[in-house]
Protein backbone atom coordinates (compact mmCIF):
# COMPACT_ATOMS: atom_id res chain seq x y z
CA MET A 1 -84.80 -70.08 -27.93
CA SER A 2 -84.03 -66.80 -27.00
CA ASP A 3 -83.12 -63.84 -29.11
CA ASP A 4 -79.25 -64.43 -28.19
CA GLN A 5 -79.26 -67.84 -29.48
CA THR A 6 -80.70 -67.04 -32.73
CA ASN A 7 -78.77 -63.96 -33.83
CA GLY A 8 -75.35 -65.88 -34.21
CA SER A 9 -73.49 -63.63 -31.87
CA PRO A 10 -70.21 -65.44 -30.39
CA GLU A 11 -71.21 -64.25 -27.05
CA ALA A 12 -74.57 -66.16 -27.32
CA SER A 13 -72.93 -69.16 -28.45
CA ASP A 14 -70.06 -69.77 -26.14
CA GLY A 15 -70.94 -67.53 -23.27
CA ARG A 16 -67.96 -65.17 -23.67
CA ASP A 17 -68.12 -61.41 -24.07
CA GLY A 18 -66.14 -61.34 -27.12
CA CYS A 19 -62.55 -61.20 -25.54
CA PRO A 20 -60.60 -64.10 -26.67
CA MET A 21 -58.78 -64.09 -23.21
CA HIS A 22 -62.02 -64.17 -21.08
CA GLY A 23 -62.77 -67.18 -19.00
CA SER A 24 -65.94 -69.22 -20.38
CA MET A 25 -68.87 -70.30 -18.03
CA ASP A 26 -69.53 -73.76 -17.06
CA VAL A 27 -73.06 -75.68 -17.84
CA GLU A 28 -74.28 -74.38 -14.33
CA GLY A 29 -73.60 -71.04 -15.28
CA ALA A 30 -70.82 -70.56 -12.50
CA GLU A 31 -67.37 -69.44 -12.95
CA ASP A 32 -64.74 -72.28 -13.25
CA LYS A 33 -61.88 -71.24 -11.14
CA ASP A 34 -59.17 -73.27 -12.78
CA ILE A 35 -60.00 -72.13 -16.29
CA LEU A 36 -57.20 -69.94 -18.06
CA SER A 37 -58.34 -66.20 -17.70
CA TYR A 38 -56.31 -62.98 -19.04
CA GLY A 39 -54.76 -62.55 -15.28
CA SER A 40 -53.95 -66.16 -14.79
CA TYR A 41 -52.39 -66.34 -18.22
CA LEU A 42 -50.13 -63.08 -17.94
CA LYS A 43 -49.64 -63.76 -14.46
CA ILE A 44 -50.64 -60.13 -13.64
CA PRO A 45 -50.94 -60.56 -9.87
CA ASP A 46 -47.12 -61.64 -9.94
CA LEU A 47 -46.48 -58.82 -12.57
CA LEU A 48 -47.87 -56.20 -10.50
CA SER A 49 -46.42 -57.00 -7.29
CA LEU A 50 -42.99 -56.47 -8.39
CA GLN A 51 -42.79 -52.76 -8.03
CA GLN A 52 -41.18 -52.35 -4.75
CA PRO A 53 -39.28 -49.10 -3.78
CA GLU A 54 -36.32 -49.33 -1.79
CA SER A 55 -36.32 -45.66 -0.54
CA ASP A 56 -37.84 -45.12 3.08
CA PRO A 57 -40.26 -43.46 2.91
CA PRO A 58 -40.95 -44.16 -0.67
CA ALA A 59 -40.35 -41.45 -2.88
CA HIS A 60 -43.20 -40.91 -5.11
CA ASP A 61 -41.18 -40.94 -8.39
CA GLU A 62 -39.49 -44.23 -7.57
CA HIS A 63 -42.33 -46.44 -8.46
CA LEU A 64 -42.16 -44.71 -12.20
CA PHE A 65 -38.46 -45.56 -12.33
CA ILE A 66 -38.96 -48.93 -11.46
CA THR A 67 -41.93 -49.46 -13.82
CA ILE A 68 -39.98 -48.02 -16.90
CA HIS A 69 -36.67 -49.99 -16.24
CA GLN A 70 -38.92 -53.19 -15.59
CA ALA A 71 -40.71 -52.59 -18.67
CA TYR A 72 -37.26 -52.13 -20.75
CA GLU A 73 -36.14 -55.68 -19.38
CA LEU A 74 -39.17 -57.36 -20.68
CA TRP A 75 -38.75 -55.68 -24.12
CA PHE A 76 -34.99 -56.74 -24.08
CA LYS A 77 -35.95 -60.17 -23.39
CA GLN A 78 -38.21 -60.15 -26.69
CA ILE A 79 -35.43 -58.66 -28.61
CA ILE A 80 -32.91 -61.14 -27.60
CA PHE A 81 -35.56 -63.70 -28.57
CA GLU A 82 -35.97 -62.23 -32.12
CA LEU A 83 -32.38 -61.71 -32.56
CA LEU A 84 -31.43 -65.57 -31.90
CA THR A 85 -34.29 -66.29 -34.40
CA VAL A 86 -33.05 -63.74 -36.82
CA ARG A 87 -29.46 -65.20 -36.64
CA ASP A 88 -30.90 -69.15 -36.90
CA ARG A 89 -32.79 -67.96 -40.08
CA MET A 90 -29.75 -66.28 -41.68
CA ASN A 91 -27.76 -69.28 -41.02
CA GLU A 92 -30.12 -71.12 -42.87
CA ASP A 93 -30.37 -68.63 -45.88
CA ASP A 94 -33.89 -67.61 -44.96
CA VAL A 95 -33.34 -63.68 -46.03
CA TYR A 96 -36.80 -63.02 -46.11
CA GLU A 97 -37.83 -64.20 -42.70
CA ALA A 98 -34.55 -62.89 -40.92
CA HIS A 99 -35.46 -59.48 -42.65
CA ARG A 100 -39.08 -59.72 -41.46
CA LEU A 101 -38.18 -60.55 -37.65
CA MET A 102 -35.48 -57.86 -37.90
CA GLU A 103 -38.32 -55.18 -38.59
CA ARG A 104 -40.14 -56.40 -35.53
CA VAL A 105 -36.93 -55.60 -33.63
CA LEU A 106 -36.68 -52.16 -35.22
CA THR A 107 -40.58 -51.39 -34.05
CA ILE A 108 -39.73 -52.42 -30.68
CA MET A 109 -36.45 -50.24 -30.61
CA ASP A 110 -38.50 -47.21 -31.49
CA LEU A 111 -40.61 -47.80 -28.66
CA LEU A 112 -37.67 -48.16 -26.29
CA VAL A 113 -36.41 -44.69 -27.59
CA GLU A 114 -39.68 -43.02 -26.82
CA GLN A 115 -40.21 -44.70 -23.67
CA ILE A 116 -36.79 -43.26 -22.10
CA HIS A 117 -38.72 -39.47 -22.40
CA VAL A 118 -40.95 -40.58 -19.69
CA LEU A 119 -38.19 -40.24 -17.34
CA GLU A 120 -38.12 -36.51 -18.22
CA THR A 121 -41.10 -35.97 -16.33
CA MET A 122 -38.93 -36.42 -13.20
CA GLN A 123 -37.15 -33.36 -12.00
CA PRO A 124 -33.57 -33.54 -10.62
CA ARG A 125 -34.60 -33.22 -7.07
CA ASP A 126 -37.42 -35.83 -7.60
CA PHE A 127 -34.62 -38.38 -8.64
CA LEU A 128 -32.26 -37.39 -5.86
CA ALA A 129 -35.16 -38.36 -3.32
CA PHE A 130 -34.66 -41.91 -3.87
CA ARG A 131 -31.10 -42.18 -5.91
CA ALA A 132 -29.10 -42.91 -2.77
CA ALA A 133 -31.26 -45.83 -2.14
CA LEU A 134 -30.24 -47.62 -5.52
CA LYS A 135 -26.49 -47.84 -4.42
CA PRO A 136 -24.76 -49.98 -5.80
CA ALA A 137 -27.17 -50.83 -8.52
CA SER A 138 -27.09 -49.07 -12.03
CA GLY A 139 -28.28 -49.49 -15.57
CA PHE A 140 -24.73 -50.43 -16.60
CA GLN A 141 -25.38 -53.72 -14.97
CA SER A 142 -28.56 -54.54 -17.29
CA ILE A 143 -27.23 -57.93 -18.48
CA GLN A 144 -29.96 -58.50 -20.94
CA PHE A 145 -28.70 -55.07 -22.58
CA ARG A 146 -25.35 -56.18 -23.04
CA GLU A 147 -26.40 -59.58 -24.59
CA ILE A 148 -28.22 -57.65 -27.09
CA GLU A 149 -25.00 -55.68 -27.74
CA PHE A 150 -22.89 -58.88 -27.97
CA LEU A 151 -25.63 -60.79 -30.11
CA THR A 152 -25.46 -57.70 -32.46
CA GLY A 153 -21.81 -57.65 -32.55
CA ILE A 154 -20.59 -54.75 -30.19
CA LYS A 155 -18.60 -56.84 -28.17
CA ARG A 156 -16.71 -54.79 -25.35
CA PRO A 157 -15.64 -57.11 -22.60
CA GLU A 158 -14.68 -54.68 -20.45
CA VAL A 159 -18.28 -53.50 -19.82
CA LEU A 160 -18.54 -56.60 -17.69
CA GLN A 161 -16.52 -54.79 -14.72
CA TYR A 162 -19.62 -52.82 -13.80
CA VAL A 163 -21.94 -56.01 -13.92
CA GLU A 164 -22.36 -58.09 -10.85
CA LEU A 165 -22.82 -61.67 -12.48
CA ASP A 166 -23.75 -65.11 -11.00
CA GLU A 167 -22.35 -68.14 -12.76
CA GLU A 168 -25.20 -68.69 -15.29
CA GLU A 169 -24.89 -65.08 -16.29
CA ARG A 170 -21.36 -64.90 -16.82
CA GLU A 171 -21.52 -67.79 -18.76
CA ARG A 172 -24.28 -66.68 -20.83
CA LEU A 173 -22.31 -63.35 -21.53
CA GLU A 174 -19.33 -64.96 -22.25
CA THR A 175 -20.69 -67.12 -24.75
CA ARG A 176 -22.09 -64.24 -26.43
CA LEU A 177 -18.88 -62.64 -26.57
CA ASP A 178 -17.22 -65.78 -28.14
CA GLU A 179 -19.74 -66.48 -30.88
CA PRO A 180 -20.15 -64.50 -34.07
CA GLY A 181 -22.25 -61.71 -34.26
CA LEU A 182 -24.88 -60.67 -36.63
CA GLY A 183 -22.40 -59.17 -39.04
CA ARG A 184 -20.06 -61.93 -39.45
CA ILE A 185 -23.29 -64.21 -39.95
CA PHE A 186 -24.38 -61.82 -42.31
CA PHE A 187 -21.31 -61.79 -44.30
CA ALA A 188 -21.32 -65.52 -44.16
CA LEU A 189 -24.82 -65.62 -45.85
CA LEU A 190 -23.52 -63.09 -48.69
CA ASP A 191 -20.84 -65.38 -49.28
CA ARG A 192 -23.08 -68.70 -49.43
CA LEU A 193 -25.36 -66.62 -51.75
CA GLY A 194 -22.41 -65.81 -54.40
CA PHE A 195 -21.27 -62.49 -53.21
CA ASP A 196 -17.38 -62.10 -53.24
CA VAL A 197 -16.96 -61.13 -49.33
CA ALA A 198 -14.61 -62.06 -46.87
CA VAL A 199 -15.93 -63.55 -43.76
CA PRO A 200 -14.21 -62.09 -40.66
CA ALA A 201 -13.50 -63.97 -37.81
CA VAL A 202 -14.94 -63.03 -34.43
CA GLY A 203 -13.28 -59.75 -33.39
CA GLU A 204 -11.62 -59.45 -36.61
CA THR A 205 -11.70 -56.14 -38.94
CA LEU A 206 -11.40 -56.76 -42.55
CA GLU A 207 -8.32 -55.00 -43.93
CA GLY A 208 -6.59 -54.64 -47.23
CA GLU A 209 -8.03 -56.59 -50.21
CA ASP A 210 -10.77 -58.55 -48.15
CA ARG A 211 -12.08 -55.22 -47.38
CA ASP A 212 -11.76 -53.92 -50.72
CA ARG A 213 -13.61 -56.75 -52.33
CA THR A 214 -16.07 -56.95 -49.60
CA LEU A 215 -17.05 -53.32 -49.97
CA SER A 216 -17.11 -53.83 -53.77
CA ALA A 217 -19.63 -56.37 -53.23
CA LEU A 218 -22.11 -54.50 -50.88
CA ALA A 219 -21.73 -51.58 -53.38
CA THR A 220 -23.05 -54.08 -55.86
CA ILE A 221 -25.98 -54.76 -53.83
CA TYR A 222 -26.69 -51.00 -52.83
CA GLY A 223 -26.57 -49.77 -56.31
CA HIS A 224 -29.01 -52.45 -57.61
CA PRO A 225 -31.48 -52.90 -54.76
CA ARG A 226 -34.15 -54.39 -57.28
CA ASP A 227 -31.72 -57.27 -58.34
CA HIS A 228 -31.19 -57.94 -54.49
CA TYR A 229 -34.16 -56.98 -53.09
CA HIS A 230 -34.15 -59.05 -49.96
CA VAL A 231 -30.77 -59.08 -49.34
CA TYR A 232 -30.71 -55.30 -49.72
CA ASN A 233 -33.59 -54.98 -47.19
CA LEU A 234 -31.85 -57.24 -44.61
CA ALA A 235 -28.56 -55.19 -44.95
CA GLU A 236 -30.39 -51.76 -44.52
CA ALA A 237 -32.80 -53.30 -41.39
CA LEU A 238 -29.24 -54.21 -39.60
CA VAL A 239 -28.27 -50.98 -40.52
CA ASP A 240 -31.72 -49.36 -38.94
CA HIS A 241 -30.77 -51.80 -35.72
CA ASP A 242 -27.30 -50.36 -35.38
CA GLN A 243 -28.62 -46.65 -35.76
CA LYS A 244 -31.52 -47.33 -33.28
CA LEU A 245 -29.13 -48.79 -30.56
CA LEU A 246 -27.10 -45.51 -31.23
CA LEU A 247 -30.30 -43.37 -31.04
CA TRP A 248 -31.40 -45.28 -27.76
CA ARG A 249 -27.64 -44.63 -26.22
CA TYR A 250 -27.85 -40.86 -27.23
CA HIS A 251 -31.24 -40.27 -25.71
CA HIS A 252 -30.02 -42.27 -22.58
CA VAL A 253 -27.25 -40.04 -22.06
CA ARG A 254 -28.97 -36.79 -22.58
CA VAL A 255 -31.84 -37.98 -20.05
CA VAL A 256 -29.18 -39.10 -17.53
CA GLU A 257 -27.12 -35.85 -17.84
CA ARG A 258 -30.29 -33.74 -17.53
CA LEU A 259 -31.06 -35.68 -14.07
CA ILE A 260 -27.44 -35.74 -12.76
CA SER A 261 -24.93 -33.96 -14.73
CA THR A 262 -21.71 -34.99 -13.99
CA LYS A 263 -22.28 -37.29 -10.91
CA THR A 264 -20.58 -40.87 -10.87
CA GLY A 265 -23.10 -43.51 -11.49
CA THR A 266 -24.70 -45.27 -8.65
CA GLY A 267 -22.89 -48.43 -9.66
CA GLY A 268 -19.56 -46.55 -9.64
CA SER A 269 -19.28 -46.04 -13.52
CA PRO A 270 -18.06 -42.80 -14.95
CA GLY A 271 -22.02 -41.78 -15.46
CA VAL A 272 -22.42 -39.75 -18.50
CA GLU A 273 -18.63 -39.24 -19.49
CA TYR A 274 -18.74 -43.24 -20.00
CA LEU A 275 -22.18 -43.13 -21.70
CA SER A 276 -20.95 -40.24 -24.19
CA SER A 277 -17.90 -42.50 -25.11
CA THR A 278 -20.24 -45.06 -26.66
CA LEU A 279 -21.87 -42.85 -29.01
CA ASP A 280 -19.70 -43.71 -31.98
CA GLU A 281 -19.87 -47.45 -31.96
CA ARG A 282 -21.12 -49.21 -34.83
CA ALA A 283 -21.89 -53.00 -35.28
CA PHE A 284 -21.81 -52.95 -38.90
CA PRO A 285 -19.27 -50.44 -39.90
CA LEU A 286 -18.85 -51.65 -43.47
CA LEU A 287 -22.60 -51.75 -44.18
CA TRP A 288 -22.31 -48.15 -43.02
CA GLU A 289 -19.37 -47.54 -45.51
CA ALA A 290 -20.60 -49.33 -48.51
CA ARG A 291 -22.96 -46.36 -49.41
CA GLY A 292 -19.70 -44.36 -49.66
CA GLU A 293 -18.43 -46.59 -52.60
CA LEU A 294 -21.58 -45.59 -54.81
CA SER A 295 -20.49 -43.10 -57.27
CA ASP A 296 -22.89 -39.95 -58.32
CA ASP A 297 -22.11 -40.18 -61.87
CA ASP A 298 -23.51 -43.66 -61.72
CA PHE A 299 -26.97 -42.68 -60.91
CA TYR A 300 -27.49 -38.76 -61.33
CA GLY A 301 -29.92 -38.15 -64.45
CA ILE A 302 -30.54 -41.78 -64.71
CA ASP A 303 -34.40 -42.86 -65.16
CA PRO A 304 -34.37 -45.51 -62.19
CA LEU A 305 -37.34 -47.28 -64.13
CA ALA A 306 -35.39 -47.12 -67.53
CA ASN A 307 -34.21 -50.97 -67.32
CA LEU A 308 -37.87 -52.38 -66.46
CA GLY A 309 -38.86 -52.43 -70.11
């Protein structure tokens, strides 16, 4: 018996090198071509074949441009996957799991904000070397980003005029427009949990008495987070998501402005002018406003641990 067989190492016992994605060897010691490997599991050859420049001759920075946007679309897909589950968990009153998955979305959003600045390593002339080859394609046409907005609760059907949609894509986005966003689902959750809130219809803005009592209930949650720990954390995760969408848009606007200034977008959109107009949008305006319902006099000088016994 060899030393490798007696030292208890995983490599010795199963023929692997310690990586859980590494293919194993058969009894003859030859590599099994059909066994799952890192590359075949992740479809690496297919993935690496997708960066195909349109410029001729290919502009050096177009490869970077394609890679960044393809990476965005992969992360958008993951965010949609998580938001759909967050929606399901809220509908099932599973506040803890909804919050846990929202935290994952927030981590991905942080990554997206950081990633956009890789584009700033391009100079304006580097982008102009291949920009004309992109027409009429445009970042406005990201169907998955629109789906994220609609799922979240930012429902602007007018943006679809800039998006070329096949039948399945149009049906998907129209469904997202018609169904409740996360804000309405959150208020329905609060209602089932016994909070005195109004649940707005899709596209409805709460007014009058409904708005006042809903803000009062939210102020109770924000004023006593220990008493409503999981609900408070979920509310703040939704606000964080809203803020990170705003930050992503802001950074996106500034990077686009840095590259093309006031030029019209390649897809025919107004470019920076339109992007700037989206910076005041809120998916959860009442959650932002609720903190304004708290009175300084209720908390200033109060020992936050005094009621813990």
